[in-house]
Amino acid sequence: MPVLRLLSRKRCKRKSLALLLVLLYMVSPKYSLAASNLDDTAGPAITSETWYSQGIPAPQRALVLVDYVFQAGDTLVGLAKQFHVSLESIVSINGQPEVGQRLKIPSFNVLAHIVKRTDELRDIAEKYGVGVYAICQTNGISPQSVLTHGMTLYVPIDEVYYPGQLNLFRGEVYIRTQEGNDHYYCLMNWPVQGAVSGRFGERRSTGTHHGLDIAAPKDQIIIAPRAGQVVRNMRYEGLLGNALYIDHGNGLMTLYGHLSEALVLGGTWVEAGQPIARVGDNGRSTGSHLHFGVFVDGEAYDPLMFLGG
């Protein structure tokens, strides 16, 4: 009897399974999940081409941001080497740092992208040439995550030119402005021989220092670090004293402050290495030195990033 009951149970299970298969076959056309029957409003399908980039492997873990307070004497180049990330990654997240600013240092190379109202993951991935999956892994989200206006997404990047990075083979510096404009410049000569007595970004009683101070004897010759046109000559700039400006084109302008004398006239075209002025100590100054400023599209940058040798 136990054997007959066991066989009977097996037959019942087989009949139930057969009935289930028949029911599934009958309803499958109605509830098919074939791509052709999907509602278009569900959004574009994510393909393998979208999920994986051609040149940039997806990170194996989510991004970690390390807190770091930017201190006097710190440089972007030094921080990039210390944390083994690119200069562009640091600047993209924090902007041009000032002494005392709390920075977020990424655990690998990324660009910070501020989400706009119309942004979708696919669009962001295509803009930066990476895969949707790479962005998702970096930020700990899924492809179905809802993006909100103003949120920050971190996009993993491969080797590129980084703001302030010196390309030793090409002698170039790359700058990306806050407006998103990209500029490439050849490294410049030092405008005067002397010791650095004040760095870019230092906090002073008069505010943040937006230039490089180079201590040098009074009346020492200052040269044009690269060719350009003198646009303002010996204009008194208050704290900077007598100042001179040179427009080098492509958004690049240099400033020379505390001058005792100008050797060129406004509107004059000067060549790299040509004498343009003499070191002075007028304006807000504690001794003879040159205040050297560098501007790209009107925005101040650390002059040391542009100087070779």
Protein backbone atom coordinates (compact mmCIF):
# COMPACT_ATOMS: atom_id res chain seq x y z
CA MET A 1 0.00 0.00 0.00
CA PRO A 2 2.71 2.61 0.76
CA VAL A 3 4.21 2.00 -2.67
CA LEU A 4 0.85 2.57 -4.40
CA ARG A 5 0.32 5.82 -2.47
CA LEU A 6 3.78 7.07 -3.51
CA LEU A 7 3.10 6.29 -7.18
CA SER A 8 -0.27 8.02 -6.92
CA ARG A 9 1.35 11.19 -5.50
CA LYS A 10 3.92 11.24 -8.31
CA ARG A 11 1.16 10.95 -10.93
CA CYS A 12 -0.71 13.87 -9.29
CA LYS A 13 2.41 16.05 -9.33
CA ARG A 14 3.00 15.27 -12.99
CA LYS A 15 -0.61 16.14 -13.85
CA SER A 16 -0.37 19.41 -11.88
CA LEU A 17 2.88 20.35 -13.65
CA ALA A 18 1.36 19.55 -17.04
CA LEU A 19 -1.70 21.67 -16.24
CA LEU A 20 0.51 24.58 -15.14
CA LEU A 21 2.49 24.45 -18.38
CA VAL A 22 -0.73 24.52 -20.42
CA LEU A 23 -2.00 27.56 -18.51
CA LEU A 24 1.30 29.42 -19.00
CA TYR A 25 1.22 28.66 -22.72
CA MET A 26 -2.33 30.05 -22.97
CA VAL A 27 -1.62 33.35 -21.17
CA SER A 28 1.93 34.01 -22.42
CA PRO A 29 0.89 35.94 -25.60
CA LYS A 30 -1.10 38.39 -23.45
CA TYR A 31 1.62 39.05 -20.88
CA SER A 32 4.69 38.68 -23.07
CA LEU A 33 7.67 40.86 -22.09
CA ALA A 34 9.12 41.01 -25.56
CA ALA A 35 10.85 44.34 -26.30
CA SER A 36 8.32 45.06 -29.06
CA ASN A 37 5.45 45.09 -26.51
CA LEU A 38 7.13 47.39 -23.94
CA ASP A 39 5.54 50.78 -23.32
CA ASP A 40 7.74 53.51 -24.86
CA THR A 41 7.13 55.73 -21.84
CA ALA A 42 9.26 53.39 -19.74
CA GLY A 43 12.37 55.06 -21.17
CA PRO A 44 15.10 53.88 -23.53
CA ALA A 45 16.42 50.37 -23.17
CA ILE A 46 19.90 50.13 -21.68
CA THR A 47 22.16 48.13 -23.94
CA SER A 48 25.61 46.71 -23.36
CA GLU A 49 27.01 49.62 -25.38
CA THR A 50 25.50 52.02 -22.85
CA TRP A 51 26.58 50.07 -19.78
CA TYR A 52 30.21 49.67 -20.72
CA SER A 53 32.58 52.28 -22.11
CA GLN A 54 35.10 51.37 -24.75
CA GLY A 55 38.16 52.77 -23.03
CA ILE A 56 37.37 53.22 -19.35
CA PRO A 57 36.80 50.17 -17.13
CA ALA A 58 34.00 50.49 -14.61
CA PRO A 59 35.28 50.98 -11.05
CA GLN A 60 34.88 47.99 -8.77
CA ARG A 61 33.66 50.05 -5.82
CA ALA A 62 31.84 53.26 -4.99
CA LEU A 63 33.74 56.53 -4.75
CA VAL A 64 35.16 57.58 -1.38
CA LEU A 65 35.73 61.29 -0.66
CA VAL A 66 38.43 62.08 1.89
CA ASP A 67 38.31 65.36 3.85
CA TYR A 68 41.46 67.47 3.71
CA VAL A 69 42.09 71.05 4.88
CA PHE A 70 44.17 73.02 2.36
CA GLN A 71 47.12 74.50 4.25
CA ALA A 72 49.67 77.21 3.57
CA GLY A 73 52.40 75.72 1.41
CA ASP A 74 50.12 73.09 -0.14
CA THR A 75 49.98 72.88 -3.92
CA LEU A 76 47.59 71.10 -6.26
CA VAL A 77 50.48 69.18 -7.76
CA GLY A 78 51.59 68.03 -4.31
CA LEU A 79 48.08 66.92 -3.32
CA ALA A 80 47.61 65.04 -6.58
CA LYS A 81 50.84 63.13 -5.97
CA GLN A 82 50.03 62.53 -2.29
CA PHE A 83 46.57 61.07 -2.96
CA HIS A 84 47.42 59.47 -6.33
CA VAL A 85 44.66 61.26 -8.23
CA SER A 86 44.62 63.81 -11.02
CA LEU A 87 44.70 67.57 -10.59
CA GLU A 88 41.54 67.80 -12.67
CA SER A 89 39.70 65.55 -10.22
CA ILE A 90 40.60 67.78 -7.26
CA VAL A 91 39.77 71.04 -9.06
CA SER A 92 36.54 69.68 -10.56
CA ILE A 93 35.17 68.90 -7.09
CA ASN A 94 36.63 71.79 -5.08
CA GLY A 95 37.46 74.58 -7.53
CA GLN A 96 40.65 76.57 -7.04
CA PRO A 97 41.38 75.96 -3.33
CA GLU A 98 42.26 78.62 -0.78
CA VAL A 99 44.20 78.22 2.46
CA GLY A 100 41.87 76.88 5.16
CA GLN A 101 39.35 75.46 2.69
CA ARG A 102 38.06 71.95 3.45
CA LEU A 103 38.58 69.83 0.35
CA LYS A 104 37.00 66.59 -0.80
CA ILE A 105 39.71 64.34 -2.28
CA PRO A 106 38.38 61.45 -4.42
CA SER A 107 39.69 57.90 -4.09
CA PHE A 108 40.10 57.69 -7.88
CA ASN A 109 39.89 60.03 -10.86
CA VAL A 110 36.47 61.60 -11.38
CA LEU A 111 34.80 64.73 -12.71
CA ALA A 112 31.99 66.40 -10.75
CA HIS A 113 28.85 66.86 -12.85
CA ILE A 114 25.99 69.05 -11.59
CA VAL A 115 22.74 67.52 -12.80
CA LYS A 116 20.42 69.74 -14.85
CA ARG A 117 16.64 69.31 -15.10
CA THR A 118 16.83 67.62 -18.50
CA ASP A 119 19.78 65.34 -17.71
CA GLU A 120 19.48 61.57 -18.01
CA LEU A 121 22.14 59.00 -17.18
CA ARG A 122 22.49 58.04 -20.83
CA ASP A 123 23.12 61.70 -21.81
CA ILE A 124 25.71 62.21 -19.07
CA ALA A 125 27.49 59.00 -20.03
CA GLU A 126 27.65 60.03 -23.69
CA LYS A 127 28.88 63.53 -22.80
CA TYR A 128 31.90 62.19 -20.91
CA GLY A 129 32.47 59.10 -23.04
CA VAL A 130 31.91 56.59 -20.25
CA GLY A 131 29.36 53.86 -19.59
CA VAL A 132 26.15 54.21 -17.58
CA TYR A 133 27.29 51.26 -15.46
CA ALA A 134 30.55 53.04 -14.59
CA ILE A 135 28.64 56.11 -13.36
CA CYS A 136 26.24 53.93 -11.37
CA GLN A 137 29.06 51.99 -9.69
CA THR A 138 30.92 55.18 -8.82
CA ASN A 139 27.89 56.85 -7.21
CA GLY A 140 26.25 53.76 -5.70
CA ILE A 141 23.05 54.12 -7.73
CA SER A 142 21.14 52.02 -10.26
CA PRO A 143 20.26 52.83 -13.90
CA GLN A 144 16.67 53.38 -12.73
CA SER A 145 17.63 55.95 -10.08
CA VAL A 146 15.85 59.30 -10.38
CA LEU A 147 18.22 62.24 -10.93
CA THR A 148 17.28 65.51 -9.25
CA HIS A 149 18.19 69.00 -10.41
CA GLY A 150 21.31 70.30 -8.66
CA MET A 151 22.60 66.96 -7.39
CA THR A 152 26.25 66.08 -7.98
CA LEU A 153 27.24 62.98 -9.92
CA TYR A 154 30.85 61.85 -10.05
CA VAL A 155 31.95 60.60 -13.45
CA PRO A 156 35.00 58.27 -13.58
CA ILE A 157 37.62 59.43 -16.04
CA ASP A 158 40.68 57.96 -17.69
CA GLU A 159 43.98 59.73 -18.32
CA VAL A 160 43.38 63.24 -19.66
CA TYR A 161 45.01 66.65 -19.36
CA TYR A 162 44.44 67.99 -15.87
CA PRO A 163 44.18 71.67 -14.89
CA GLY A 164 47.66 72.69 -13.82
CA GLN A 165 49.25 69.47 -15.03
CA LEU A 166 52.60 69.98 -16.72
CA ASN A 167 53.02 67.82 -19.79
CA LEU A 168 56.79 67.27 -19.72
CA PHE A 169 56.91 66.17 -23.34
CA ARG A 170 54.89 69.03 -24.76
CA GLY A 171 55.59 71.74 -22.18
CA GLU A 172 51.91 72.61 -21.79
CA VAL A 173 49.45 73.49 -19.07
CA TYR A 174 45.74 72.78 -19.39
CA ILE A 175 43.03 74.92 -17.78
CA ARG A 176 39.28 74.35 -17.64
CA THR A 177 37.48 77.51 -16.54
CA GLN A 178 34.34 77.66 -14.40
CA GLU A 179 32.37 78.26 -17.59
CA GLY A 180 33.68 74.95 -18.95
CA ASN A 181 36.07 76.47 -21.51
CA ASP A 182 39.25 74.49 -22.18
CA HIS A 183 42.58 76.25 -22.74
CA TYR A 184 46.05 74.88 -23.50
CA TYR A 185 49.12 77.07 -22.96
CA CYS A 186 52.85 76.62 -23.38
CA LEU A 187 54.77 77.13 -20.17
CA MET A 188 56.05 80.67 -19.60
CA ASN A 189 59.41 82.04 -18.52
CA TRP A 190 59.79 83.54 -15.06
CA PRO A 191 59.29 87.32 -15.35
CA VAL A 192 62.05 88.13 -12.87
CA GLN A 193 64.80 86.34 -10.99
CA GLY A 194 64.19 86.09 -7.27
CA ALA A 195 62.79 84.07 -4.39
CA VAL A 196 59.11 83.35 -3.90
CA SER A 197 57.97 85.45 -0.93
CA GLY A 198 54.21 85.05 -1.22
CA ARG A 199 52.06 82.31 -2.74
CA PHE A 200 48.72 82.23 -4.49
CA GLY A 201 45.73 81.58 -2.21
CA GLU A 202 47.29 82.84 1.03
CA ARG A 203 44.88 84.59 3.38
CA ARG A 204 45.98 88.07 4.37
CA SER A 205 44.48 90.99 6.25
CA THR A 206 43.50 92.48 2.88
CA GLY A 207 41.88 89.25 1.66
CA THR A 208 42.97 86.26 -0.39
CA HIS A 209 46.23 86.66 -2.30
CA HIS A 210 45.55 86.21 -6.02
CA GLY A 211 49.10 86.22 -7.30
CA LEU A 212 52.70 85.18 -6.78
CA ASP A 213 55.14 87.48 -4.97
CA ILE A 214 58.76 87.29 -6.15
CA ALA A 215 61.25 89.16 -3.97
CA ALA A 216 63.90 90.99 -6.01
CA PRO A 217 66.08 94.10 -5.68
CA LYS A 218 64.45 97.42 -6.52
CA ASP A 219 64.77 98.41 -10.19
CA GLN A 220 65.67 94.89 -11.30
CA ILE A 221 64.50 94.21 -14.87
CA ILE A 222 61.20 92.41 -15.41
CA ILE A 223 60.73 90.60 -18.73
CA ALA A 224 57.63 89.53 -20.64
CA PRO A 225 57.21 85.80 -19.90
CA ARG A 226 55.64 85.32 -23.34
CA ALA A 227 54.62 87.46 -26.32
CA GLY A 228 51.56 89.70 -26.06
CA GLN A 229 50.15 93.21 -26.15
CA VAL A 230 50.44 95.71 -23.30
CA VAL A 231 46.85 96.71 -22.56
CA ARG A 232 47.27 98.75 -19.38
CA ASN A 233 50.47 100.52 -18.47
CA MET A 234 51.56 101.96 -15.09
CA ARG A 235 48.00 102.24 -13.85
CA TYR A 236 47.87 102.77 -10.09
CA GLU A 237 45.90 99.84 -8.65
CA GLY A 238 45.79 100.75 -4.95
CA LEU A 239 47.22 97.77 -3.07
CA LEU A 240 49.22 96.72 -6.15
CA GLY A 241 50.67 100.18 -6.72
CA ASN A 242 51.81 100.83 -10.27
CA ALA A 243 50.63 97.92 -12.42
CA LEU A 244 50.98 96.72 -15.99
CA TYR A 245 48.89 94.17 -17.88
CA ILE A 246 49.74 92.06 -20.93
CA ASP A 247 47.13 90.30 -23.06
CA HIS A 248 48.64 87.11 -24.51
CA GLY A 249 45.54 86.01 -26.42
CA ASN A 250 43.35 82.92 -26.01
CA GLY A 251 41.93 84.29 -22.75
CA LEU A 252 45.34 84.58 -21.04
CA MET A 253 46.40 87.82 -19.31
CA THR A 254 49.28 88.56 -16.93
CA LEU A 255 49.60 91.30 -14.30
CA TYR A 256 52.73 92.95 -12.87
CA GLY A 257 52.38 94.99 -9.67
CA HIS A 258 54.47 97.32 -7.44
CA LEU A 259 56.50 98.58 -10.43
CA SER A 260 59.01 101.40 -10.09
CA GLU A 261 59.09 102.05 -13.84
CA ALA A 262 57.52 100.82 -17.07
CA LEU A 263 59.77 100.28 -20.09
CA VAL A 264 56.97 99.84 -22.66
CA LEU A 265 53.92 101.87 -23.67
CA GLY A 266 50.29 100.83 -23.63
CA GLY A 267 49.28 99.17 -26.89
CA THR A 268 52.83 97.96 -27.57
CA TRP A 269 53.41 94.41 -28.76
CA VAL A 270 56.17 92.72 -26.77
CA GLU A 271 58.08 89.51 -27.41
CA ALA A 272 58.93 86.84 -24.86
CA GLY A 273 62.04 87.88 -22.92
CA GLN A 274 61.70 91.58 -23.75
CA PRO A 275 62.22 93.99 -20.79
CA ILE A 276 58.90 95.56 -19.82
CA ALA A 277 59.35 97.12 -16.36
CA ARG A 278 61.43 97.40 -13.18
CA VAL A 279 60.76 96.00 -9.71
CA GLY A 280 59.41 98.49 -7.16
CA ASP A 281 57.86 98.66 -3.70
CA ASN A 282 54.91 101.04 -4.04
CA GLY A 283 51.32 100.26 -3.08
CA ARG A 284 50.78 97.86 -0.16
CA SER A 285 54.28 96.42 0.11
CA THR A 286 56.74 95.47 2.85
CA GLY A 287 59.73 95.43 0.51
CA SER A 288 60.70 95.47 -3.15
CA HIS A 289 59.12 92.60 -5.05
CA LEU A 290 57.04 91.76 -8.10
CA HIS A 291 53.42 90.78 -7.70
CA PHE A 292 52.81 88.47 -10.68
CA GLY A 293 49.24 87.53 -11.55
CA VAL A 294 47.82 85.16 -14.17
CA PHE A 295 44.21 85.29 -15.38
CA VAL A 296 42.32 82.99 -17.74
CA ASP A 297 39.01 84.41 -18.99
CA GLY A 298 39.22 86.92 -16.14
CA GLU A 299 39.65 84.27 -13.44
CA ALA A 300 42.82 84.23 -11.30
CA TYR A 301 44.98 81.10 -11.30
CA ASP A 302 48.14 80.08 -9.48
CA PRO A 303 51.02 81.50 -11.57
CA LEU A 304 53.28 78.60 -10.56
CA MET A 305 51.12 76.36 -12.73
CA PHE A 306 52.21 78.32 -15.81
CA LEU A 307 55.92 78.80 -15.13
CA GLY A 308 58.55 76.47 -16.51
CA GLY A 309 62.02 75.87 -15.22
